[in-house]
PDB file of N, CA and C in Angstrom:
ATOM      1  N   UNK A   1      40.598  39.548 114.553  1.00  0.00           N
ATOM      2  CA  UNK A   1      42.156  39.641 115.110  1.00  0.00           C
ATOM      3  C   UNK A   1      42.952  40.629 114.274  1.00  0.00           C
ATOM      4  N   UNK A   2      43.850  41.164 114.779  1.00  0.00           N
ATOM      5  CA  UNK A   2      45.079  42.021 114.357  1.00  0.00           C
ATOM      6  C   UNK A   2      46.101  41.444 114.139  1.00  0.00           C
ATOM      7  N   UNK A   3      46.704  41.577 113.049  1.00  0.00           N
ATOM      8  CA  UNK A   3      48.142  41.186 112.643  1.00  0.00           C
ATOM      9  C   UNK A   3      49.152  42.199 112.300  1.00  0.00           C
ATOM     10  N   UNK A   4      50.340  42.145 112.702  1.00  0.00           N
ATOM     11  CA  UNK A   4      51.660  42.807 112.015  1.00  0.00           C
ATOM     12  C   UNK A   4      51.921  42.101 110.842  1.00  0.00           C
ATOM     13  N   UNK A   5      51.748  42.926 109.644  1.00  0.00           N
ATOM     14  CA  UNK A   5      52.261  42.400 108.466  1.00  0.00           C
ATOM     15  C   UNK A   5      52.840  43.500 107.541  1.00  0.00           C
ATOM     16  N   UNK A   6      53.485  43.088 106.126  1.00  0.00           N
ATOM     17  CA  UNK A   6      53.877  44.147 105.531  1.00  0.00           C
ATOM     18  C   UNK A   6      52.876  44.496 104.587  1.00  0.00           C
ATOM     19  N   UNK A   7      53.124  45.844 104.355  1.00  0.00           N
ATOM     20  CA  UNK A   7      52.072  46.497 103.347  1.00  0.00           C
ATOM     21  C   UNK A   7      52.769  47.019 102.038  1.00  0.00           C
ATOM     22  N   UNK A   8      52.631  46.736 101.022  1.00  0.00           N
ATOM     23  CA  UNK A   8      53.406  46.922  99.609  1.00  0.00           C
ATOM     24  C   UNK A   8      53.117  48.155  99.345  1.00  0.00           C
ATOM     25  N   UNK A   9      54.177  49.026  99.169  1.00  0.00           N
ATOM     26  CA  UNK A   9      54.310  50.591  98.666  1.00  0.00           C
ATOM     27  C   UNK A   9      55.229  50.624  97.508  1.00  0.00           C
ATOM     28  N   UNK A  10      55.392  51.932  97.035  1.00  0.00           N
ATOM     29  CA  UNK A  10      56.373  51.944  95.862  1.00  0.00           C
ATOM     30  C   UNK A  10      55.894  51.878  94.467  1.00  0.00           C
ATOM     31  N   UNK A  11      56.844  51.740  93.871  1.00  0.00           N
ATOM     32  CA  UNK A  11      56.523  51.689  91.895  1.00  0.00           C
ATOM     33  C   UNK A  11      56.881  50.092  91.605  1.00  0.00           C
ATOM     34  N   UNK A  12      56.403  50.084  90.283  1.00  0.00           N
ATOM     35  CA  UNK A  12      56.899  48.511  89.803  1.00  0.00           C
ATOM     36  C   UNK A  12      58.267  47.930  90.044  1.00  0.00           C
ATOM     37  N   UNK A  13      58.764  47.152  90.248  1.00  0.00           N
ATOM     38  CA  UNK A  13      60.249  46.905  90.279  1.00  0.00           C
ATOM     39  C   UNK A  13      61.074  47.661  91.762  1.00  0.00           C
ATOM     40  N   UNK A  14      60.491  48.461  92.250  1.00  0.00           N
ATOM     41  CA  UNK A  14      61.018  49.239  93.223  1.00  0.00           C
ATOM     42  C   UNK A  14      60.003  49.537  94.568  1.00  0.00           C
ATOM     43  N   UNK A  15      59.634  48.376  94.822  1.00  0.00           N
ATOM     44  CA  UNK A  15      58.846  47.934  96.050  1.00  0.00           C
ATOM     45  C   UNK A  15      59.480  48.059  97.461  1.00  0.00           C
ATOM     46  N   UNK A  16      58.875  48.752  98.274  1.00  0.00           N
ATOM     47  CA  UNK A  16      59.346  48.556  99.861  1.00  0.00           C
ATOM     48  C   UNK A  16      57.912  48.247 100.610  1.00  0.00           C
ATOM     49  N   UNK A  17      58.280  47.899 101.698  1.00  0.00           N
ATOM     50  CA  UNK A  17      56.868  47.615 102.755  1.00  0.00           C
ATOM     51  C   UNK A  17      56.946  48.409 104.095  1.00  0.00           C
ATOM     52  N   UNK A  18      55.743  48.622 104.277  1.00  0.00           N
ATOM     53  CA  UNK A  18      55.631  49.191 105.364  1.00  0.00           C
ATOM     54  C   UNK A  18      55.128  47.929 106.279  1.00  0.00           C
ATOM     55  N   UNK A  19      55.499  47.992 107.812  1.00  0.00           N
ATOM     56  CA  UNK A  19      55.129  47.062 108.715  1.00  0.00           C
ATOM     57  C   UNK A  19      53.861  47.848 109.556  1.00  0.00           C
ATOM     58  N   UNK A  20      52.993  47.081 109.463  1.00  0.00           N
ATOM     59  CA  UNK A  20      51.421  47.898 109.775  1.00  0.00           C
ATOM     60  C   UNK A  20      50.587  46.696 110.639  1.00  0.00           C
ATOM     61  N   UNK A  21      49.913  47.651 111.548  1.00  0.00           N
ATOM     62  CA  UNK A  21      49.121  46.733 112.455  1.00  0.00           C
ATOM     63  C   UNK A  21      47.860  46.770 111.492  1.00  0.00           C
ATOM     64  N   UNK A  22      47.123  45.531 111.246  1.00  0.00           N
ATOM     65  CA  UNK A  22      46.051  45.598 110.338  1.00  0.00           C
ATOM     66  C   UNK A  22      45.325  44.583 110.712  1.00  0.00           C
ATOM     67  N   UNK A  23      43.822  44.523 110.473  1.00  0.00           N
ATOM     68  CA  UNK A  23      42.729  43.464 110.752  1.00  0.00           C
ATOM     69  C   UNK A  23      43.295  42.460 109.640  1.00  0.00           C
ATOM     70  N   UNK A  24      43.087  41.218 110.112  1.00  0.00           N
ATOM     71  CA  UNK A  24      43.467  40.057 109.570  1.00  0.00           C
ATOM     72  C   UNK A  24      42.488  39.738 108.548  1.00  0.00           C
ATOM     73  N   UNK A  25      41.514  40.168 108.299  1.00  0.00           N
ATOM     74  CA  UNK A  25      40.545  39.974 107.159  1.00  0.00           C
ATOM     75  C   UNK A  25      40.999  40.940 106.044  1.00  0.00           C
ATOM     76  N   UNK A  26      41.748  42.231 106.312  1.00  0.00           N
ATOM     77  CA  UNK A  26      41.944  43.042 105.321  1.00  0.00           C
ATOM     78  C   UNK A  26      42.798  42.614 104.199  1.00  0.00           C
ATOM     79  N   UNK A  27      42.710  43.337 103.059  1.00  0.00           N
ATOM     80  CA  UNK A  27      43.743  42.714 101.855  1.00  0.00           C
ATOM     81  C   UNK A  27      45.029  43.462 102.126  1.00  0.00           C
ATOM     82  N   UNK A  28      46.139  42.939 101.032  1.00  0.00           N
ATOM     83  CA  UNK A  28      47.515  43.568 101.556  1.00  0.00           C
ATOM     84  C   UNK A  28      47.663  44.966 101.689  1.00  0.00           C
ATOM     85  N   UNK A  29      47.189  45.720 100.561  1.00  0.00           N
ATOM     86  CA  UNK A  29      46.986  47.277 100.572  1.00  0.00           C
ATOM     87  C   UNK A  29      45.957  47.947 101.330  1.00  0.00           C
ATOM     88  N   UNK A  30      45.150  47.238 102.246  1.00  0.00           N
ATOM     89  CA  UNK A  30      44.132  47.581 103.079  1.00  0.00           C
ATOM     90  C   UNK A  30      44.563  48.802 104.095  1.00  0.00           C
ATOM     91  N   UNK A  31      43.555  49.235 104.555  1.00  0.00           N
ATOM     92  CA  UNK A  31      43.494  50.311 105.734  1.00  0.00           C
ATOM     93  C   UNK A  31      44.118  49.648 106.870  1.00  0.00           C
ATOM     94  N   UNK A  32      45.080  50.185 107.488  1.00  0.00           N
ATOM     95  CA  UNK A  32      45.777  49.864 108.425  1.00  0.00           C
ATOM     96  C   UNK A  32      45.568  50.467 109.956  1.00  0.00           C
ATOM     97  N   UNK A  33      45.669  49.948 110.901  1.00  0.00           N
ATOM     98  CA  UNK A  33      45.281  50.499 112.095  1.00  0.00           C
ATOM     99  C   UNK A  33      46.370  51.521 112.468  1.00  0.00           C
ATOM    100  N   UNK A  34      47.702  51.168 112.262  1.00  0.00           N
ATOM    101  CA  UNK A  34      48.855  51.990 112.765  1.00  0.00           C
ATOM    102  C   UNK A  34      49.866  51.571 111.873  1.00  0.00           C
ATOM    103  N   UNK A  35      50.702  52.253 111.416  1.00  0.00           N
ATOM    104  CA  UNK A  35      52.096  51.954 111.120  1.00  0.00           C
ATOM    105  C   UNK A  35      53.224  51.927 111.841  1.00  0.00           C
ATOM    106  N   UNK A  36      53.682  50.916 111.719  1.00  0.00           N
ATOM    107  CA  UNK A  36      54.630  50.527 113.355  1.00  0.00           C
ATOM    108  C   UNK A  36      56.352  50.359 112.571  1.00  0.00           C
ATOM    109  N   UNK A  37      56.416  50.360 111.336  1.00  0.00           N
ATOM    110  CA  UNK A  37      57.763  50.679 110.938  1.00  0.00           C
ATOM    111  C   UNK A  37      57.719  50.495 109.201  1.00  0.00           C
ATOM    112  N   UNK A  38      59.037  50.145 108.961  1.00  0.00           N
ATOM    113  CA  UNK A  38      59.339  50.172 107.213  1.00  0.00           C
ATOM    114  C   UNK A  38      60.215  49.067 106.956  1.00  0.00           C
ATOM    115  N   UNK A  39      60.367  48.584 105.725  1.00  0.00           N
ATOM    116  CA  UNK A  39      61.319  47.368 105.266  1.00  0.00           C
ATOM    117  C   UNK A  39      61.665  47.560 103.899  1.00  0.00           C
ATOM    118  N   UNK A  40      62.884  48.297 103.570  1.00  0.00           N
ATOM    119  CA  UNK A  40      63.259  48.462 102.283  1.00  0.00           C
ATOM    120  C   UNK A  40      64.210  47.325 101.839  1.00  0.00           C
ATOM    121  N   UNK A  41      63.820  46.138 101.191  1.00  0.00           N
ATOM    122  CA  UNK A  41      64.809  45.236 100.597  1.00  0.00           C
ATOM    123  C   UNK A  41      65.748  45.775  99.605  1.00  0.00           C
ATOM    124  N   UNK A  42      65.451  46.635  99.038  1.00  0.00           N
ATOM    125  CA  UNK A  42      66.280  47.061  97.956  1.00  0.00           C
ATOM    126  C   UNK A  42      67.651  47.790  98.542  1.00  0.00           C
ATOM    127  N   UNK A  43      67.457  48.741  99.228  1.00  0.00           N
ATOM    128  CA  UNK A  43      68.419  49.517 100.329  1.00  0.00           C
ATOM    129  C   UNK A  43      68.743  48.832 101.421  1.00  0.00           C
ATOM    130  N   UNK A  44      68.392  47.384 101.767  1.00  0.00           N
ATOM    131  CA  UNK A  44      68.251  46.843 102.871  1.00  0.00           C
ATOM    132  C   UNK A  44      68.300  47.778 104.278  1.00  0.00           C
ATOM    133  N   UNK A  45      67.280  48.423 104.494  1.00  0.00           N
ATOM    134  CA  UNK A  45      66.989  49.191 105.634  1.00  0.00           C
ATOM    135  C   UNK A  45      65.743  48.939 105.884  1.00  0.00           C
ATOM    136  N   UNK A  46      65.718  48.849 107.713  1.00  0.00           N
ATOM    137  CA  UNK A  46      64.392  48.575 108.200  1.00  0.00           C
ATOM    138  C   UNK A  46      64.529  49.391 109.327  1.00  0.00           C
ATOM    139  N   UNK A  47      63.090  50.024 109.906  1.00  0.00           N
ATOM    140  CA  UNK A  47      63.100  50.758 110.796  1.00  0.00           C
ATOM    141  C   UNK A  47      61.751  50.140 111.527  1.00  0.00           C
ATOM    142  N   UNK A  48      61.443  50.195 112.794  1.00  0.00           N
ATOM    143  CA  UNK A  48      60.315  49.934 113.556  1.00  0.00           C
ATOM    144  C   UNK A  48      60.245  50.559 114.658  1.00  0.00           C
ATOM    145  N   UNK A  49      59.210  50.985 115.122  1.00  0.00           N
ATOM    146  CA  UNK A  49      58.893  51.666 116.556  1.00  0.00           C
ATOM    147  C   UNK A  49      58.551  50.608 117.397  1.00  0.00           C
ATOM    148  N   UNK A  50      59.355  50.311 118.374  1.00  0.00           N
ATOM    149  CA  UNK A  50      59.350  49.280 119.419  1.00  0.00           C
ATOM    150  C   UNK A  50      58.302  49.214 120.213  1.00  0.00           C
ATOM    151  N   UNK A  51      58.140  50.472 120.607  1.00  0.00           N
ATOM    152  CA  UNK A  51      56.869  50.764 121.764  1.00  0.00           C
ATOM    153  C   UNK A  51      55.675  50.394 121.179  1.00  0.00           C
ATOM    154  N   UNK A  52      55.308  50.652 119.779  1.00  0.00           N
ATOM    155  CA  UNK A  52      53.981  50.597 119.297  1.00  0.00           C
ATOM    156  C   UNK A  52      53.961  48.806 118.849  1.00  0.00           C
ATOM    157  N   UNK A  53      55.235  48.619 118.537  1.00  0.00           N
ATOM    158  CA  UNK A  53      54.920  46.896 118.061  1.00  0.00           C
ATOM    159  C   UNK A  53      54.593  45.937 119.826  1.00  0.00           C
ATOM    160  N   UNK A  54      55.372  46.560 120.512  1.00  0.00           N
ATOM    161  CA  UNK A  54      54.942  45.812 122.118  1.00  0.00           C
ATOM    162  C   UNK A  54      53.818  46.150 122.580  1.00  0.00           C
ATOM    163  N   UNK A  55      53.090  47.290 122.182  1.00  0.00           N
ATOM    164  CA  UNK A  55      51.725  47.568 122.578  1.00  0.00           C
ATOM    165  C   UNK A  55      50.725  46.737 121.867  1.00  0.00           C
ATOM    166  N   UNK A  56      50.943  46.572 120.416  1.00  0.00           N
ATOM    167  CA  UNK A  56      50.349  45.628 119.823  1.00  0.00           C
ATOM    168  C   UNK A  56      50.334  43.794 120.344  1.00  0.00           C
ATOM    169  N   UNK A  57      51.502  43.592 120.584  1.00  0.00           N
ATOM    170  CA  UNK A  57      51.873  42.557 121.114  1.00  0.00           C
ATOM    171  C   UNK A  57      51.107  42.166 122.365  1.00  0.00           C
ATOM    172  N   UNK A  58      51.186  43.186 123.219  1.00  0.00           N
ATOM    173  CA  UNK A  58      50.464  42.925 124.491  1.00  0.00           C
ATOM    174  C   UNK A  58      48.973  43.091 124.234  1.00  0.00           C
ATOM    175  N   UNK A  59      48.485  43.710 123.240  1.00  0.00           N
ATOM    176  CA  UNK A  59      46.934  43.271 122.828  1.00  0.00           C
ATOM    177  C   UNK A  59      46.618  41.880 122.183  1.00  0.00           C
ATOM    178  N   UNK A  60      47.589  41.433 121.953  1.00  0.00           N
ATOM    179  CA  UNK A  60      47.295  39.876 121.283  1.00  0.00           C
ATOM    180  C   UNK A  60      47.330  39.817 120.039  1.00  0.00           C
ATOM    181  N   UNK A  61      47.903  40.955 118.901  1.00  0.00           N
ATOM    182  CA  UNK A  61      48.248  41.017 117.655  1.00  0.00           C
ATOM    183  C   UNK A  61      49.441  39.666 117.238  1.00  0.00           C
ATOM    184  N   UNK A  62      49.019  39.254 116.265  1.00  0.00           N
ATOM    185  CA  UNK A  62      50.051  38.018 115.871  1.00  0.00           C
ATOM    186  C   UNK A  62      50.971  38.548 114.615  1.00  0.00           C
ATOM    187  N   UNK A  63      52.268  38.643 114.706  1.00  0.00           N
ATOM    188  CA  UNK A  63      52.869  38.811 113.510  1.00  0.00           C
ATOM    189  C   UNK A  63      52.723  37.698 112.410  1.00  0.00           C
ATOM    190  N   UNK A  64      53.106  38.064 111.163  1.00  0.00           N
ATOM    191  CA  UNK A  64      53.279  37.176 110.250  1.00  0.00           C
ATOM    192  C   UNK A  64      54.906  36.304 110.463  1.00  0.00           C
ATOM    193  N   UNK A  65      55.123  35.390 109.656  1.00  0.00           N
ATOM    194  CA  UNK A  65      56.315  34.885 109.703  1.00  0.00           C
ATOM    195  C   UNK A  65      57.450  35.858 109.108  1.00  0.00           C
ATOM    196  N   UNK A  66      57.206  36.447 107.929  1.00  0.00           N
ATOM    197  CA  UNK A  66      58.254  37.327 107.575  1.00  0.00           C
ATOM    198  C   UNK A  66      58.297  38.552 108.736  1.00  0.00           C
ATOM    199  N   UNK A  67      57.338  39.028 109.131  1.00  0.00           N
ATOM    200  CA  UNK A  67      57.385  40.516 109.990  1.00  0.00           C
ATOM    201  C   UNK A  67      58.326  39.802 111.347  1.00  0.00           C
ATOM    202  N   UNK A  68      58.073  38.696 111.709  1.00  0.00           N
ATOM    203  CA  UNK A  68      58.578  37.932 113.006  1.00  0.00           C
ATOM    204  C   UNK A  68      60.252  37.959 112.419  1.00  0.00           C
ATOM    205  N   UNK A  69      60.458  37.432 111.582  1.00  0.00           N
ATOM    206  CA  UNK A  69      62.005  37.331 111.077  1.00  0.00           C
ATOM    207  C   UNK A  69      62.545  38.813 110.902  1.00  0.00           C
ATOM    208  N   UNK A  70      61.947  39.552 110.552  1.00  0.00           N
ATOM    209  CA  UNK A  70      62.561  41.068 110.365  1.00  0.00           C
ATOM    210  C   UNK A  70      63.037  41.244 111.978  1.00  0.00           C
ATOM    211  N   UNK A  71      61.909  41.176 112.716  1.00  0.00           N
ATOM    212  CA  UNK A  71      61.731  41.773 113.965  1.00  0.00           C
ATOM    213  C   UNK A  71      62.848  41.144 115.037  1.00  0.00           C
ATOM    214  N   UNK A  72      63.226  39.842 114.631  1.00  0.00           N
ATOM    215  CA  UNK A  72      64.099  38.799 115.273  1.00  0.00           C
ATOM    216  C   UNK A  72      65.526  39.363 114.782  1.00  0.00           C
ATOM    217  N   UNK A  73      65.792  39.545 113.541  1.00  0.00           N
ATOM    218  CA  UNK A  73      66.882  40.174 112.854  1.00  0.00           C
ATOM    219  C   UNK A  73      67.238  41.400 113.456  1.00  0.00           C
ATOM    220  N   UNK A  74      66.489  42.239 113.678  1.00  0.00           N
ATOM    221  CA  UNK A  74      66.617  43.458 114.159  1.00  0.00           C
ATOM    222  C   UNK A  74      67.183  43.397 115.629  1.00  0.00           C
ATOM    223  N   UNK A  75      66.366  42.877 116.430  1.00  0.00           N
ATOM    224  CA  UNK A  75      66.889  42.533 117.779  1.00  0.00           C
ATOM    225  C   UNK A  75      68.226  42.002 118.201  1.00  0.00           C
ATOM    226  N   UNK A  76      68.692  41.180 117.060  1.00  0.00           N
ATOM    227  CA  UNK A  76      69.606  40.425 117.308  1.00  0.00           C
ATOM    228  C   UNK A  76      70.858  41.471 117.172  1.00  0.00           C
ATOM    229  N   UNK A  77      70.613  42.181 115.900  1.00  0.00           N
ATOM    230  CA  UNK A  77      71.724  43.480 115.768  1.00  0.00           C
ATOM    231  C   UNK A  77      71.662  44.249 116.605  1.00  0.00           C
ATOM    232  N   UNK A  78      70.937  44.867 117.316  1.00  0.00           N
ATOM    233  CA  UNK A  78      71.096  45.773 118.633  1.00  0.00           C
ATOM    234  C   UNK A  78      71.759  45.430 119.717  1.00  0.00           C
ATOM    235  N   UNK A  79      71.689  43.822 119.916  1.00  0.00           N
ATOM    236  CA  UNK A  79      72.656  43.603 120.879  1.00  0.00           C
ATOM    237  C   UNK A  79      74.117  43.004 120.696  1.00  0.00           C
ATOM    238  N   UNK A  80      74.335  43.229 119.206  1.00  0.00           N
ATOM    239  CA  UNK A  80      75.573  42.629 118.675  1.00  0.00           C
ATOM    240  C   UNK A  80      76.843  43.559 119.292  1.00  0.00           C
ATOM    241  N   UNK A  81      78.128  43.231 118.993  1.00  0.00           N
ATOM    242  CA  UNK A  81      79.183  43.949 119.041  1.00  0.00           C
ATOM    243  C   UNK A  81      79.202  45.422 118.590  1.00  0.00           C
ATOM    244  N   UNK A  82      78.590  45.364 117.421  1.00  0.00           N
ATOM    245  CA  UNK A  82      78.619  46.678 116.549  1.00  0.00           C
ATOM    246  C   UNK A  82      77.780  47.827 116.925  1.00  0.00           C
ATOM    247  N   UNK A  83      76.759  47.360 117.953  1.00  0.00           N
ATOM    248  CA  UNK A  83      75.640  48.197 118.433  1.00  0.00           C
ATOM    249  C   UNK A  83      76.058  48.967 119.545  1.00  0.00           C
ATOM    250  N   UNK A  84      76.483  50.079 119.193  1.00  0.00           N
ATOM    251  CA  UNK A  84      76.727  51.014 120.296  1.00  0.00           C
ATOM    252  C   UNK A  84      75.839  52.169 120.479  1.00  0.00           C
ATOM    253  N   UNK A  85      75.376  52.483 121.693  1.00  0.00           N
ATOM    254  CA  UNK A  85      74.626  53.463 122.076  1.00  0.00           C
ATOM    255  C   UNK A  85      75.082  54.815 121.585  1.00  0.00           C
ATOM    256  N   UNK A  86      74.341  55.705 121.195  1.00  0.00           N
ATOM    257  CA  UNK A  86      74.986  56.894 120.581  1.00  0.00           C
ATOM    258  C   UNK A  86      75.213  57.693 121.745  1.00  0.00           C
ATOM    259  N   UNK A  87      76.418  58.937 121.812  1.00  0.00           N
ATOM    260  CA  UNK A  87      76.774  59.274 122.889  1.00  0.00           C
ATOM    261  C   UNK A  87      76.100  60.519 123.415  1.00  0.00           C
ATOM    262  N   UNK A  88      74.945  60.652 122.697  1.00  0.00           N
ATOM    263  CA  UNK A  88      74.104  61.666 123.354  1.00  0.00           C
ATOM    264  C   UNK A  88      72.934  61.205 124.256  1.00  0.00           C
ATOM    265  N   UNK A  89      72.838  59.892 124.686  1.00  0.00           N
ATOM    266  CA  UNK A  89      72.105  59.232 125.712  1.00  0.00           C
ATOM    267  C   UNK A  89      72.916  59.075 127.168  1.00  0.00           C
ATOM    268  N   UNK A  90      72.153  59.284 128.017  1.00  0.00           N
ATOM    269  CA  UNK A  90      72.387  59.248 129.465  1.00  0.00           C
ATOM    270  C   UNK A  90      72.445  57.715 129.825  1.00  0.00           C
ATOM    271  N   UNK A  91      73.218  57.628 130.912  1.00  0.00           N
ATOM    272  CA  UNK A  91      73.292  56.085 131.432  1.00  0.00           C
ATOM    273  C   UNK A  91      72.050  55.622 131.456  1.00  0.00           C
ATOM    274  N   UNK A  92      70.813  56.460 131.948  1.00  0.00           N
ATOM    275  CA  UNK A  92      69.880  55.920 132.453  1.00  0.00           C
ATOM    276  C   UNK A  92      68.605  55.541 131.297  1.00  0.00           C
ATOM    277  N   UNK A  93      68.898  56.321 130.143  1.00  0.00           N
ATOM    278  CA  UNK A  93      68.410  56.164 128.930  1.00  0.00           C
ATOM    279  C   UNK A  93      69.227  54.609 128.237  1.00  0.00           C
ATOM    280  N   UNK A  94      70.294  54.512 128.249  1.00  0.00           N
ATOM    281  CA  UNK A  94      70.869  53.201 127.840  1.00  0.00           C
ATOM    282  C   UNK A  94      70.402  52.113 128.741  1.00  0.00           C
ATOM    283  N   UNK A  95      70.102  52.165 130.127  1.00  0.00           N
ATOM    284  CA  UNK A  95      69.652  51.258 130.865  1.00  0.00           C
ATOM    285  C   UNK A  95      67.934  50.765 130.389  1.00  0.00           C
ATOM    286  N   UNK A  96      67.531  51.644 130.140  1.00  0.00           N
ATOM    287  CA  UNK A  96      65.951  51.889 129.800  1.00  0.00           C
ATOM    288  C   UNK A  96      66.026  50.887 128.622  1.00  0.00           C
ATOM    289  N   UNK A  97      67.104  51.213 127.762  1.00  0.00           N
ATOM    290  CA  UNK A  97      66.822  50.673 126.103  1.00  0.00           C
ATOM    291  C   UNK A  97      67.396  49.269 126.400  1.00  0.00           C
ATOM    292  N   UNK A  98      68.443  48.821 127.552  1.00  0.00           N
ATOM    293  CA  UNK A  98      68.615  47.302 127.681  1.00  0.00           C
ATOM    294  C   UNK A  98      67.408  46.766 128.084  1.00  0.00           C
ATOM    295  N   UNK A  99      66.729  47.509 129.114  1.00  0.00           N
ATOM    296  CA  UNK A  99      65.768  46.366 129.558  1.00  0.00           C
ATOM    297  C   UNK A  99      64.508  46.384 128.458  1.00  0.00           C
ATOM    298  N   UNK A 100      64.373  47.218 127.620  1.00  0.00           N
ATOM    299  CA  UNK A 100      63.349  47.231 126.848  1.00  0.00           C
ATOM    300  C   UNK A 100      63.542  45.913 125.523  1.00  0.00           C
ATOM    301  N   UNK A 101      64.806  46.021 125.418  1.00  0.00           N
ATOM    302  CA  UNK A 101      65.517  45.096 124.536  1.00  0.00           C
ATOM    303  C   UNK A 101      65.169  43.545 125.088  1.00  0.00           C
ATOM    304  N   UNK A 102      65.492  43.517 126.283  1.00  0.00           N
ATOM    305  CA  UNK A 102      65.219  42.158 127.326  1.00  0.00           C
ATOM    306  C   UNK A 102      63.662  41.934 127.069  1.00  0.00           C
ATOM    307  N   UNK A 103      62.680  43.080 127.317  1.00  0.00           N
ATOM    308  CA  UNK A 103      61.442  42.483 127.245  1.00  0.00           C
ATOM    309  C   UNK A 103      60.842  42.237 125.820  1.00  0.00           C
ATOM    310  N   UNK A 104      61.492  42.900 124.922  1.00  0.00           N
ATOM    311  CA  UNK A 104      60.931  42.452 123.456  1.00  0.00           C
ATOM    312  C   UNK A 104      61.541  41.239 123.063  1.00  0.00           C
ATOM    313  N   UNK A 105      62.759  40.824 123.547  1.00  0.00           N
ATOM    314  CA  UNK A 105      63.295  39.396 123.210  1.00  0.00           C
ATOM    315  C   UNK A 105      62.419  38.189 124.008  1.00  0.00           C
ATOM    316  N   UNK A 106      61.881  38.323 125.273  1.00  0.00           N
ATOM    317  CA  UNK A 106      60.959  37.785 125.811  1.00  0.00           C
ATOM    318  C   UNK A 106      59.783  37.411 125.288  1.00  0.00           C
ATOM    319  N   UNK A 107      59.110  38.581 124.734  1.00  0.00           N
ATOM    320  CA  UNK A 107      57.989  38.686 123.982  1.00  0.00           C
ATOM    321  C   UNK A 107      57.905  37.751 122.519  1.00  0.00           C
ATOM    322  N   UNK A 108      59.116  37.857 121.833  1.00  0.00           N
ATOM    323  CA  UNK A 108      59.722  37.063 120.595  1.00  0.00           C
ATOM    324  C   UNK A 108      59.499  35.669 121.016  1.00  0.00           C
ATOM    325  N   UNK A 109      60.252  35.243 122.016  1.00  0.00           N
ATOM    326  CA  UNK A 109      60.185  33.840 122.267  1.00  0.00           C
ATOM    327  C   UNK A 109      58.986  33.112 122.723  1.00  0.00           C
ATOM    328  N   UNK A 110      58.190  34.217 123.165  1.00  0.00           N
ATOM    329  CA  UNK A 110      56.770  33.551 123.432  1.00  0.00           C
ATOM    330  C   UNK A 110      55.981  33.214 122.264  1.00  0.00           C
ATOM    331  N   UNK A 111      56.256  34.240 121.282  1.00  0.00           N
ATOM    332  CA  UNK A 111      55.550  34.270 120.126  1.00  0.00           C
ATOM    333  C   UNK A 111      55.955  32.645 119.200  1.00  0.00           C
ATOM    334  N   UNK A 112      57.002  32.704 119.300  1.00  0.00           N
ATOM    335  CA  UNK A 112      57.710  31.447 118.276  1.00  0.00           C
ATOM    336  C   UNK A 112      58.085  30.153 119.117  1.00  0.00           C
TER     337      UNK A 112
END
């Protein structure tokens, strides 16, 4: 079974985590199938590739509770009042982005 989970990186007392798709039997720092994002608790920064995450969700990957919480928080932030699409995006890109967020929210509700 494939899981989306955190992989610890960095040095002592300065850890950050990569969000990876990995075989459930692998150890925490084991070989991953694909990196889908990162989470830095010290700088409070998070990034993930939503298309890769959706791909693995559709293939049956199960996120850990921590990864699920991080993804839910990110989806919530993208639809909040302060989340404005960049000016460089066209109207069709903005509509695609909104549709993508809706699809992602539906998948997260199914998982939880």
